[in-house]
Amino acid sequence: MKSDHDLVVAARAGDEQAFGEIYDRYTDRVFGLCFTVLRDRAEAEDALRDASSRARWARSTYCVD
């Protein structure tokens, strides 16, 4: 299993598989946070999709220090 750091470095370089693995690792936590804040399953799912999309588009700016 690759470390989060290695996956972030790869995702930053455009590796879709690495981004997918990061997504898989953290999607439940992010959804849980969204649901806790929004208290609505459909809204939480929308927020998760939005966060994922923004993360994908911003991946070239990921901090890898």
C-alpha atoms as a PDB file:
ATOM      1  CA  MET A   1       0.000   0.000   0.000  1.00  0.00           C
ATOM      2  CA  LYS A   2       1.377   3.396  -0.993  1.00  0.00           C
ATOM      3  CA  SER A   3       1.601   6.165   1.563  1.00  0.00           C
ATOM      4  CA  ASP A   4      -0.639   9.211   1.324  1.00  0.00           C
ATOM      5  CA  HIS A   5       2.448  11.280   0.511  1.00  0.00           C
ATOM      6  CA  ASP A   6       3.375   9.046  -2.435  1.00  0.00           C
ATOM      7  CA  LEU A   7      -0.192   9.150  -3.723  1.00  0.00           C
ATOM      8  CA  VAL A   8      -0.359  12.937  -3.471  1.00  0.00           C
ATOM      9  CA  VAL A   9       2.914  13.271  -5.378  1.00  0.00           C
ATOM     10  CA  ALA A  10       1.586  10.955  -8.087  1.00  0.00           C
ATOM     11  CA  ALA A  11      -1.820  12.655  -8.219  1.00  0.00           C
ATOM     12  CA  ARG A  12      -0.160  16.037  -8.485  1.00  0.00           C
ATOM     13  CA  ALA A  13       1.702  14.727 -11.528  1.00  0.00           C
ATOM     14  CA  GLY A  14      -1.618  13.720 -13.127  1.00  0.00           C
ATOM     15  CA  ASP A  15      -1.901  10.069 -12.097  1.00  0.00           C
ATOM     16  CA  GLU A  16      -5.659   9.377 -12.123  1.00  0.00           C
ATOM     17  CA  GLN A  17      -5.235   6.036 -10.372  1.00  0.00           C
ATOM     18  CA  ALA A  18      -3.441   7.730  -7.473  1.00  0.00           C
ATOM     19  CA  PHE A  19      -6.198  10.327  -7.225  1.00  0.00           C
ATOM     20  CA  GLY A  20      -8.752   7.520  -7.214  1.00  0.00           C
ATOM     21  CA  GLU A  21      -6.960   5.754  -4.397  1.00  0.00           C
ATOM     22  CA  ILE A  22      -6.879   8.946  -2.324  1.00  0.00           C
ATOM     23  CA  TYR A  23     -10.594   9.387  -3.046  1.00  0.00           C
ATOM     24  CA  ASP A  24     -11.325   5.809  -1.991  1.00  0.00           C
ATOM     25  CA  ARG A  25      -9.384   6.235   1.252  1.00  0.00           C
ATOM     26  CA  TYR A  26     -11.100   9.419   2.338  1.00  0.00           C
ATOM     27  CA  THR A  27     -14.547   9.511   0.718  1.00  0.00           C
ATOM     28  CA  ASP A  28     -16.349   8.004   3.723  1.00  0.00           C
ATOM     29  CA  ARG A  29     -14.775  10.530   6.097  1.00  0.00           C
ATOM     30  CA  VAL A  30     -15.555  13.462   3.837  1.00  0.00           C
ATOM     31  CA  PHE A  31     -19.127  12.256   3.349  1.00  0.00           C
ATOM     32  CA  GLY A  32     -19.500  11.852   7.108  1.00  0.00           C
ATOM     33  CA  LEU A  33     -18.352  15.411   7.669  1.00  0.00           C
ATOM     34  CA  CYS A  34     -20.681  16.714   4.961  1.00  0.00           C
ATOM     35  CA  PHE A  35     -23.607  14.812   6.428  1.00  0.00           C
ATOM     36  CA  THR A  36     -22.836  16.014   9.958  1.00  0.00           C
ATOM     37  CA  VAL A  37     -22.819  19.615   8.811  1.00  0.00           C
ATOM     38  CA  LEU A  38     -25.700  19.480   6.329  1.00  0.00           C
ATOM     39  CA  ARG A  39     -27.966  16.872   8.002  1.00  0.00           C
ATOM     40  CA  ASP A  40     -29.342  15.835   4.615  1.00  0.00           C
ATOM     41  CA  ARG A  41     -28.112  12.831   2.648  1.00  0.00           C
ATOM     42  CA  ALA A  42     -28.739  14.291  -0.824  1.00  0.00           C
ATOM     43  CA  GLU A  43     -27.061  17.580   0.103  1.00  0.00           C
ATOM     44  CA  ALA A  44     -24.107  15.703   1.599  1.00  0.00           C
ATOM     45  CA  GLU A  45     -23.738  13.640  -1.584  1.00  0.00           C
ATOM     46  CA  ASP A  46     -23.772  16.845  -3.653  1.00  0.00           C
ATOM     47  CA  ALA A  47     -21.165  18.411  -1.378  1.00  0.00           C
ATOM     48  CA  LEU A  48     -18.973  15.306  -1.670  1.00  0.00           C
ATOM     49  CA  ARG A  49     -19.184  15.430  -5.482  1.00  0.00           C
ATOM     50  CA  ASP A  50     -18.339  19.133  -5.445  1.00  0.00           C
ATOM     51  CA  ALA A  51     -15.385  18.617  -3.117  1.00  0.00           C
ATOM     52  CA  SER A  52     -14.097  15.752  -5.252  1.00  0.00           C
ATOM     53  CA  SER A  53     -14.382  17.800  -8.417  1.00  0.00           C
ATOM     54  CA  ARG A  54     -12.589  20.750  -6.862  1.00  0.00           C
ATOM     55  CA  ALA A  55      -9.849  18.497  -5.514  1.00  0.00           C
ATOM     56  CA  ARG A  56      -9.349  16.936  -8.940  1.00  0.00           C
ATOM     57  CA  TRP A  57      -9.047  20.331 -10.649  1.00  0.00           C
ATOM     58  CA  ALA A  58      -6.728  21.720  -7.957  1.00  0.00           C
ATOM     59  CA  ARG A  59      -4.414  18.723  -7.746  1.00  0.00           C
ATOM     60  CA  SER A  60      -1.518  20.551  -9.411  1.00  0.00           C
ATOM     61  CA  THR A  61      -1.428  22.802  -6.322  1.00  0.00           C
ATOM     62  CA  TYR A  62      -1.283  19.996  -3.741  1.00  0.00           C
ATOM     63  CA  CYS A  63       1.346  20.605  -1.089  1.00  0.00           C
ATOM     64  CA  VAL A  64       3.739  17.674  -0.837  1.00  0.00           C
ATOM     65  CA  ASP A  65       6.096  18.895   1.882  1.00  0.00           C
END
